Amino acid sequence: MISYDLHSPTNNRKDVQDAIESLGTWCKYLTTTYLVNTNQSKNNVQDICTKHLDSNDKMIICEITGSVGGWLETDQWNWINNNI
């Protein structure tokens, strides 16, 4: 899971999204939250995704290894069931 907040002075949203989407198959669940199925190590994911962040931006990268719960649409649950 990759989640982020981008702040001024710059907003590199397109670059950050492109970097995340380049990692493998993905589903965007919330405005700035992705689940990604990738063969990259957590360190590589971090290197790829954080190179577009400014010093006042924030990002968290978590490996999902257990069950997932929440309130999502059917196609989102289908992606989770097929990729996590």
PDB file of N, CA and C in Angstrom:
ATOM      1  N   MET A   1       0.843  -1.164   0.000  1.00  0.00           N
ATOM      2  CA  MET A   1       0.000   0.000   0.000  1.00  0.00           C
ATOM      3  C   MET A   1       0.889   1.227   0.000  1.00  0.00           C
ATOM      4  N   ILE A   2       0.554   2.175  -0.826  1.00  0.00           N
ATOM      5  CA  ILE A   2       1.285   3.433  -0.879  1.00  0.00           C
ATOM      6  C   ILE A   2       0.264   4.551  -0.726  1.00  0.00           C
ATOM      7  N   SER A   3       0.495   5.415   0.245  1.00  0.00           N
ATOM      8  CA  SER A   3      -0.388   6.548   0.478  1.00  0.00           C
ATOM      9  C   SER A   3       0.470   7.787   0.657  1.00  0.00           C
ATOM     10  N   TYR A   4      -0.009   8.926   0.151  1.00  0.00           N
ATOM     11  CA  TYR A   4       0.821  10.128   0.188  1.00  0.00           C
ATOM     12  C   TYR A   4      -0.014  11.393   0.291  1.00  0.00           C
ATOM     13  N   ASP A   5       0.620  12.457   0.764  1.00  0.00           N
ATOM     14  CA  ASP A   5       0.087  13.820   0.766  1.00  0.00           C
ATOM     15  C   ASP A   5       1.144  14.715   0.148  1.00  0.00           C
ATOM     16  N   LEU A   6       0.753  15.504  -0.819  1.00  0.00           N
ATOM     17  CA  LEU A   6       1.674  16.432  -1.477  1.00  0.00           C
ATOM     18  C   LEU A   6       1.291  17.849  -1.089  1.00  0.00           C
ATOM     19  N   HIS A   7       2.300  18.687  -0.855  1.00  0.00           N
ATOM     20  CA  HIS A   7       2.082  20.058  -0.407  1.00  0.00           C
ATOM     21  C   HIS A   7       2.857  21.033  -1.285  1.00  0.00           C
ATOM     22  N   SER A   8       2.542  22.300  -1.183  1.00  0.00           N
ATOM     23  CA  SER A   8       3.258  23.358  -1.907  1.00  0.00           C
ATOM     24  C   SER A   8       4.667  23.449  -1.366  1.00  0.00           C
ATOM     25  N   PRO A   9       5.647  23.966  -2.047  1.00  0.00           N
ATOM     26  CA  PRO A   9       5.504  24.868  -3.193  1.00  0.00           C
ATOM     27  C   PRO A   9       5.275  24.165  -4.528  1.00  0.00           C
ATOM     28  N   THR A  10       5.720  22.958  -4.697  1.00  0.00           N
ATOM     29  CA  THR A  10       5.437  22.259  -5.951  1.00  0.00           C
ATOM     30  C   THR A  10       4.457  21.141  -5.660  1.00  0.00           C
ATOM     31  N   ASN A  11       3.842  20.665  -6.696  1.00  0.00           N
ATOM     32  CA  ASN A  11       2.924  19.547  -6.561  1.00  0.00           C
ATOM     33  C   ASN A  11       3.218  18.615  -7.723  1.00  0.00           C
ATOM     34  N   ASN A  12       4.010  17.602  -7.463  1.00  0.00           N
ATOM     35  CA  ASN A  12       4.455  16.669  -8.486  1.00  0.00           C
ATOM     36  C   ASN A  12       3.520  15.476  -8.593  1.00  0.00           C
ATOM     37  N   ARG A  13       2.220  15.706  -8.480  1.00  0.00           N
ATOM     38  CA  ARG A  13       1.235  14.630  -8.437  1.00  0.00           C
ATOM     39  C   ARG A  13       1.376  13.673  -9.618  1.00  0.00           C
ATOM     40  N   LYS A  14       1.492  14.189 -10.836  1.00  0.00           N
ATOM     41  CA  LYS A  14       1.585  13.329 -12.021  1.00  0.00           C
ATOM     42  C   LYS A  14       2.839  12.463 -11.963  1.00  0.00           C
ATOM     43  N   ASP A  15       3.973  13.037 -11.579  1.00  0.00           N
ATOM     44  CA  ASP A  15       5.219  12.268 -11.479  1.00  0.00           C
ATOM     45  C   ASP A  15       5.124  11.188 -10.408  1.00  0.00           C
ATOM     46  N   VAL A  16       4.520  11.517  -9.272  1.00  0.00           N
ATOM     47  CA  VAL A  16       4.367  10.541  -8.189  1.00  0.00           C
ATOM     48  C   VAL A  16       3.445   9.416  -8.637  1.00  0.00           C
ATOM     49  N   GLN A  17       2.317   9.760  -9.236  1.00  0.00           N
ATOM     50  CA  GLN A  17       1.390   8.733  -9.704  1.00  0.00           C
ATOM     51  C   GLN A  17       2.033   7.855 -10.770  1.00  0.00           C
ATOM     52  N   ASP A  18       2.747   8.448 -11.715  1.00  0.00           N
ATOM     53  CA  ASP A  18       3.412   7.667 -12.760  1.00  0.00           C
ATOM     54  C   ASP A  18       4.438   6.707 -12.162  1.00  0.00           C
ATOM     55  N   ALA A  19       5.171   7.164 -11.155  1.00  0.00           N
ATOM     56  CA  ALA A  19       6.164   6.307 -10.506  1.00  0.00           C
ATOM     57  C   ALA A  19       5.482   5.118  -9.829  1.00  0.00           C
ATOM     58  N   ILE A  20       4.406   5.375  -9.107  1.00  0.00           N
ATOM     59  CA  ILE A  20       3.681   4.299  -8.429  1.00  0.00           C
ATOM     60  C   ILE A  20       3.116   3.316  -9.453  1.00  0.00           C
ATOM     61  N   GLU A  21       2.510   3.832 -10.489  1.00  0.00           N
ATOM     62  CA  GLU A  21       1.865   2.985 -11.488  1.00  0.00           C
ATOM     63  C   GLU A  21       2.868   2.190 -12.317  1.00  0.00           C
ATOM     64  N   SER A  22       4.134   2.608 -12.316  1.00  0.00           N
ATOM     65  CA  SER A  22       5.165   1.886 -13.058  1.00  0.00           C
ATOM     66  C   SER A  22       5.634   0.621 -12.339  1.00  0.00           C
ATOM     67  N   LEU A  23       5.241   0.448 -11.081  1.00  0.00           N
ATOM     68  CA  LEU A  23       5.750  -0.646 -10.252  1.00  0.00           C
ATOM     69  C   LEU A  23       5.165  -2.007 -10.591  1.00  0.00           C
ATOM     70  N   GLY A  24       3.988  -2.049 -11.159  1.00  0.00           N
ATOM     71  CA  GLY A  24       3.310  -3.313 -11.446  1.00  0.00           C
ATOM     72  C   GLY A  24       1.826  -3.082 -11.564  1.00  0.00           C
ATOM     73  N   THR A  25       1.034  -4.110 -11.301  1.00  0.00           N
ATOM     74  CA  THR A  25      -0.407  -3.919 -11.340  1.00  0.00           C
ATOM     75  C   THR A  25      -0.827  -3.148 -10.098  1.00  0.00           C
ATOM     76  N   TRP A  26      -1.832  -2.324 -10.241  1.00  0.00           N
ATOM     77  CA  TRP A  26      -2.221  -1.442  -9.144  1.00  0.00           C
ATOM     78  C   TRP A  26      -3.714  -1.163  -9.203  1.00  0.00           C
ATOM     79  N   CYS A  27      -4.235  -0.715  -8.076  1.00  0.00           N
ATOM     80  CA  CYS A  27      -5.592  -0.205  -7.984  1.00  0.00           C
ATOM     81  C   CYS A  27      -5.545   1.011  -7.080  1.00  0.00           C
ATOM     82  N   LYS A  28      -6.136   2.097  -7.545  1.00  0.00           N
ATOM     83  CA  LYS A  28      -6.180   3.337  -6.762  1.00  0.00           C
ATOM     84  C   LYS A  28      -7.496   3.340  -5.991  1.00  0.00           C
ATOM     85  N   TYR A  29      -7.407   3.293  -4.660  1.00  0.00           N
ATOM     86  CA  TYR A  29      -8.589   3.151  -3.825  1.00  0.00           C
ATOM     87  C   TYR A  29      -9.144   4.464  -3.318  1.00  0.00           C
ATOM     88  N   LEU A  30      -8.267   5.344  -2.961  1.00  0.00           N
ATOM     89  CA  LEU A  30      -8.656   6.656  -2.465  1.00  0.00           C
ATOM     90  C   LEU A  30      -7.863   7.685  -3.254  1.00  0.00           C
ATOM     91  N   THR A  31      -8.120   8.934  -3.057  1.00  0.00           N
ATOM     92  CA  THR A  31      -7.500   9.980  -3.863  1.00  0.00           C
ATOM     93  C   THR A  31      -5.990   9.836  -3.939  1.00  0.00           C
ATOM     94  N   THR A  32      -5.347   9.503  -2.837  1.00  0.00           N
ATOM     95  CA  THR A  32      -3.888   9.370  -2.832  1.00  0.00           C
ATOM     96  C   THR A  32      -3.439   8.070  -2.180  1.00  0.00           C
ATOM     97  N   THR A  33      -4.183   7.010  -2.411  1.00  0.00           N
ATOM     98  CA  THR A  33      -3.834   5.705  -1.866  1.00  0.00           C
ATOM     99  C   THR A  33      -3.943   4.639  -2.949  1.00  0.00           C
ATOM    100  N   TYR A  34      -2.861   3.879  -3.099  1.00  0.00           N
ATOM    101  CA  TYR A  34      -2.797   2.793  -4.069  1.00  0.00           C
ATOM    102  C   TYR A  34      -2.498   1.486  -3.351  1.00  0.00           C
ATOM    103  N   LEU A  35      -3.015   0.388  -3.900  1.00  0.00           N
ATOM    104  CA  LEU A  35      -2.501  -0.938  -3.612  1.00  0.00           C
ATOM    105  C   LEU A  35      -1.764  -1.362  -4.875  1.00  0.00           C
ATOM    106  N   VAL A  36      -0.559  -1.904  -4.705  1.00  0.00           N
ATOM    107  CA  VAL A  36       0.291  -2.257  -5.839  1.00  0.00           C
ATOM    108  C   VAL A  36       0.777  -3.686  -5.655  1.00  0.00           C
ATOM    109  N   ASN A  37       0.698  -4.468  -6.715  1.00  0.00           N
ATOM    110  CA  ASN A  37       1.266  -5.814  -6.729  1.00  0.00           C
ATOM    111  C   ASN A  37       2.560  -5.710  -7.536  1.00  0.00           C
ATOM    112  N   THR A  38       3.703  -5.870  -6.872  1.00  0.00           N
ATOM    113  CA  THR A  38       4.994  -5.676  -7.513  1.00  0.00           C
ATOM    114  C   THR A  38       5.999  -6.706  -7.027  1.00  0.00           C
ATOM    115  N   ASN A  39       6.997  -6.951  -7.854  1.00  0.00           N
ATOM    116  CA  ASN A  39       8.114  -7.812  -7.456  1.00  0.00           C
ATOM    117  C   ASN A  39       9.271  -6.995  -6.890  1.00  0.00           C
ATOM    118  N   GLN A  40       9.133  -5.687  -6.863  1.00  0.00           N
ATOM    119  CA  GLN A  40      10.176  -4.805  -6.341  1.00  0.00           C
ATOM    120  C   GLN A  40      10.278  -4.951  -4.822  1.00  0.00           C
ATOM    121  N   SER A  41      11.472  -4.774  -4.298  1.00  0.00           N
ATOM    122  CA  SER A  41      11.643  -4.752  -2.841  1.00  0.00           C
ATOM    123  C   SER A  41      11.060  -3.456  -2.290  1.00  0.00           C
ATOM    124  N   LYS A  42      10.768  -3.463  -0.989  1.00  0.00           N
ATOM    125  CA  LYS A  42      10.237  -2.249  -0.356  1.00  0.00           C
ATOM    126  C   LYS A  42      11.211  -1.084  -0.525  1.00  0.00           C
ATOM    127  N   ASN A  43      12.519  -1.352  -0.437  1.00  0.00           N
ATOM    128  CA  ASN A  43      13.507  -0.286  -0.610  1.00  0.00           C
ATOM    129  C   ASN A  43      13.484   0.271  -2.025  1.00  0.00           C
ATOM    130  N   ASN A  44      13.354  -0.591  -3.036  1.00  0.00           N
ATOM    131  CA  ASN A  44      13.262  -0.108  -4.414  1.00  0.00           C
ATOM    132  C   ASN A  44      11.993   0.704  -4.630  1.00  0.00           C
ATOM    133  N   VAL A  45      10.877   0.228  -4.079  1.00  0.00           N
ATOM    134  CA  VAL A  45       9.624   0.970  -4.185  1.00  0.00           C
ATOM    135  C   VAL A  45       9.797   2.355  -3.582  1.00  0.00           C
ATOM    136  N   GLN A  46      10.400   2.410  -2.415  1.00  0.00           N
ATOM    137  CA  GLN A  46      10.616   3.694  -1.759  1.00  0.00           C
ATOM    138  C   GLN A  46      11.502   4.598  -2.609  1.00  0.00           C
ATOM    139  N   ASP A  47      12.585   4.074  -3.149  1.00  0.00           N
ATOM    140  CA  ASP A  47      13.483   4.877  -3.988  1.00  0.00           C
ATOM    141  C   ASP A  47      12.764   5.413  -5.213  1.00  0.00           C
ATOM    142  N   ILE A  48      11.974   4.574  -5.864  1.00  0.00           N
ATOM    143  CA  ILE A  48      11.266   4.975  -7.081  1.00  0.00           C
ATOM    144  C   ILE A  48      10.217   6.036  -6.782  1.00  0.00           C
ATOM    145  N   CYS A  49       9.477   5.861  -5.720  1.00  0.00           N
ATOM    146  CA  CYS A  49       8.342   6.743  -5.428  1.00  0.00           C
ATOM    147  C   CYS A  49       8.728   8.049  -4.747  1.00  0.00           C
ATOM    148  N   THR A  50       9.729   8.032  -3.908  1.00  0.00           N
ATOM    149  CA  THR A  50      10.039   9.240  -3.133  1.00  0.00           C
ATOM    150  C   THR A  50      10.925  10.226  -3.886  1.00  0.00           C
ATOM    151  N   LYS A  51      11.476   9.849  -5.024  1.00  0.00           N
ATOM    152  CA  LYS A  51      12.357  10.780  -5.740  1.00  0.00           C
ATOM    153  C   LYS A  51      11.599  11.995  -6.270  1.00  0.00           C
ATOM    154  N   HIS A  52      10.270  11.929  -6.305  1.00  0.00           N
ATOM    155  CA  HIS A  52       9.474  13.058  -6.799  1.00  0.00           C
ATOM    156  C   HIS A  52       8.859  13.887  -5.669  1.00  0.00           C
ATOM    157  N   LEU A  53       9.196  13.566  -4.410  1.00  0.00           N
ATOM    158  CA  LEU A  53       8.603  14.268  -3.280  1.00  0.00           C
ATOM    159  C   LEU A  53       9.435  15.476  -2.890  1.00  0.00           C
ATOM    160  N   ASP A  54       8.759  16.493  -2.384  1.00  0.00           N
ATOM    161  CA  ASP A  54       9.424  17.645  -1.788  1.00  0.00           C
ATOM    162  C   ASP A  54       9.631  17.359  -0.302  1.00  0.00           C
ATOM    163  N   SER A  55      10.426  18.180   0.345  1.00  0.00           N
ATOM    164  CA  SER A  55      10.766  17.940   1.753  1.00  0.00           C
ATOM    165  C   SER A  55       9.550  18.012   2.681  1.00  0.00           C
ATOM    166  N   ASN A  56       8.489  18.692   2.278  1.00  0.00           N
ATOM    167  CA  ASN A  56       7.309  18.794   3.140  1.00  0.00           C
ATOM    168  C   ASN A  56       6.179  17.839   2.726  1.00  0.00           C
ATOM    169  N   ASP A  57       6.413  16.990   1.730  1.00  0.00           N
ATOM    170  CA  ASP A  57       5.447  15.963   1.343  1.00  0.00           C
ATOM    171  C   ASP A  57       5.561  14.778   2.292  1.00  0.00           C
ATOM    172  N   LYS A  58       4.556  13.904   2.255  1.00  0.00           N
ATOM    173  CA  LYS A  58       4.561  12.723   3.117  1.00  0.00           C
ATOM    174  C   LYS A  58       4.142  11.506   2.301  1.00  0.00           C
ATOM    175  N   MET A  59       4.730  10.343   2.626  1.00  0.00           N
ATOM    176  CA  MET A  59       4.369   9.096   1.969  1.00  0.00           C
ATOM    177  C   MET A  59       4.606   7.953   2.942  1.00  0.00           C
ATOM    178  N   ILE A  60       3.699   6.976   2.907  1.00  0.00           N
ATOM    179  CA  ILE A  60       3.888   5.758   3.674  1.00  0.00           C
ATOM    180  C   ILE A  60       3.746   4.577   2.716  1.00  0.00           C
ATOM    181  N   ILE A  61       4.645   3.614   2.874  1.00  0.00           N
ATOM    182  CA  ILE A  61       4.654   2.402   2.049  1.00  0.00           C
ATOM    183  C   ILE A  61       4.573   1.223   3.002  1.00  0.00           C
ATOM    184  N   CYS A  62       3.537   0.406   2.855  1.00  0.00           N
ATOM    185  CA  CYS A  62       3.314  -0.727   3.755  1.00  0.00           C
ATOM    186  C   CYS A  62       3.124  -1.996   2.945  1.00  0.00           C
ATOM    187  N   GLU A  63       3.693  -3.090   3.432  1.00  0.00           N
ATOM    188  CA  GLU A  63       3.439  -4.393   2.821  1.00  0.00           C
ATOM    189  C   GLU A  63       2.186  -4.977   3.459  1.00  0.00           C
ATOM    190  N   ILE A  64       1.244  -5.379   2.621  1.00  0.00           N
ATOM    191  CA  ILE A  64       0.002  -5.985   3.094  1.00  0.00           C
ATOM    192  C   ILE A  64       0.196  -7.497   3.089  1.00  0.00           C
ATOM    193  N   THR A  65       0.136  -8.115   4.261  1.00  0.00           N
ATOM    194  CA  THR A  65       0.367  -9.554   4.339  1.00  0.00           C
ATOM    195  C   THR A  65      -0.803 -10.311   4.949  1.00  0.00           C
ATOM    196  N   GLY A  66      -1.769  -9.607   5.488  1.00  0.00           N
ATOM    197  CA  GLY A  66      -2.895 -10.266   6.146  1.00  0.00           C
ATOM    198  C   GLY A  66      -4.206  -9.918   5.478  1.00  0.00           C
ATOM    199  N   SER A  67      -5.261 -10.135   6.202  1.00  0.00           N
ATOM    200  CA  SER A  67      -6.585  -9.853   5.653  1.00  0.00           C
ATOM    201  C   SER A  67      -6.796  -8.345   5.543  1.00  0.00           C
ATOM    202  N   VAL A  68      -7.703  -7.979   4.653  1.00  0.00           N
ATOM    203  CA  VAL A  68      -8.008  -6.577   4.390  1.00  0.00           C
ATOM    204  C   VAL A  68      -9.496  -6.378   4.599  1.00  0.00           C
ATOM    205  N   GLY A  69      -9.869  -5.300   5.260  1.00  0.00           N
ATOM    206  CA  GLY A  69     -11.277  -4.991   5.463  1.00  0.00           C
ATOM    207  C   GLY A  69     -11.543  -3.538   5.140  1.00  0.00           C
ATOM    208  N   GLY A  70     -12.782  -3.201   4.951  1.00  0.00           N
ATOM    209  CA  GLY A  70     -13.134  -1.825   4.676  1.00  0.00           C
ATOM    210  C   GLY A  70     -14.418  -1.724   3.877  1.00  0.00           C
ATOM    211  N   TRP A  71     -14.642  -0.542   3.314  1.00  0.00           N
ATOM    212  CA  TRP A  71     -15.837  -0.244   2.562  1.00  0.00           C
ATOM    213  C   TRP A  71     -15.390   0.183   1.175  1.00  0.00           C
ATOM    214  N   LEU A  72     -15.470  -0.760   0.222  1.00  0.00           N
ATOM    215  CA  LEU A  72     -14.985  -0.526  -1.133  1.00  0.00           C
ATOM    216  C   LEU A  72     -15.994  -1.027  -2.145  1.00  0.00           C
ATOM    217  N   GLU A  73     -15.741  -0.710  -3.400  1.00  0.00           N
ATOM    218  CA  GLU A  73     -16.594  -1.182  -4.488  1.00  0.00           C
ATOM    219  C   GLU A  73     -16.208  -2.604  -4.874  1.00  0.00           C
ATOM    220  N   THR A  74     -17.125  -3.298  -5.531  1.00  0.00           N
ATOM    221  CA  THR A  74     -16.919  -4.696  -5.896  1.00  0.00           C
ATOM    222  C   THR A  74     -15.661  -4.895  -6.721  1.00  0.00           C
ATOM    223  N   ASP A  75     -15.422  -4.023  -7.716  1.00  0.00           N
ATOM    224  CA  ASP A  75     -14.229  -4.196  -8.552  1.00  0.00           C
ATOM    225  C   ASP A  75     -12.948  -4.005  -7.753  1.00  0.00           C
ATOM    226  N   GLN A  76     -12.980  -3.174  -6.728  1.00  0.00           N
ATOM    227  CA  GLN A  76     -11.817  -2.999  -5.870  1.00  0.00           C
ATOM    228  C   GLN A  76     -11.574  -4.261  -5.044  1.00  0.00           C
ATOM    229  N   TRP A  77     -12.633  -4.849  -4.497  1.00  0.00           N
ATOM    230  CA  TRP A  77     -12.482  -6.104  -3.752  1.00  0.00           C
ATOM    231  C   TRP A  77     -12.003  -7.213  -4.668  1.00  0.00           C
ATOM    232  N   ASN A  78     -12.480  -7.241  -5.896  1.00  0.00           N
ATOM    233  CA  ASN A  78     -12.013  -8.240  -6.865  1.00  0.00           C
ATOM    234  C   ASN A  78     -10.518  -8.100  -7.089  1.00  0.00           C
ATOM    235  N   TRP A  79     -10.036  -6.863  -7.221  1.00  0.00           N
ATOM    236  CA  TRP A  79      -8.594  -6.644  -7.412  1.00  0.00           C
ATOM    237  C   TRP A  79      -7.831  -7.152  -6.205  1.00  0.00           C
ATOM    238  N   ILE A  80      -8.293  -6.835  -5.009  1.00  0.00           N
ATOM    239  CA  ILE A  80      -7.627  -7.301  -3.789  1.00  0.00           C
ATOM    240  C   ILE A  80      -7.593  -8.829  -3.765  1.00  0.00           C
ATOM    241  N   ASN A  81      -8.711  -9.449  -4.013  1.00  0.00           N
ATOM    242  CA  ASN A  81      -8.774 -10.919  -3.952  1.00  0.00           C
ATOM    243  C   ASN A  81      -7.886 -11.578  -4.988  1.00  0.00           C
ATOM    244  N   ASN A  82      -7.654 -10.925  -6.109  1.00  0.00           N
ATOM    245  CA  ASN A  82      -6.816 -11.487  -7.168  1.00  0.00           C
ATOM    246  C   ASN A  82      -5.342 -11.126  -7.038  1.00  0.00           C
ATOM    247  N   ASN A  83      -5.016 -10.124  -6.212  1.00  0.00           N
ATOM    248  CA  ASN A  83      -3.638  -9.617  -6.188  1.00  0.00           C
ATOM    249  C   ASN A  83      -2.970  -9.597  -4.831  1.00  0.00           C
ATOM    250  N   ILE A  84      -3.715  -9.744  -3.753  1.00  0.00           N
ATOM    251  CA  ILE A  84      -3.122  -9.680  -2.419  1.00  0.00           C
ATOM    252  C   ILE A  84      -3.160 -11.073  -1.804  1.00  0.00           C
TER     253      ILE A  84
END
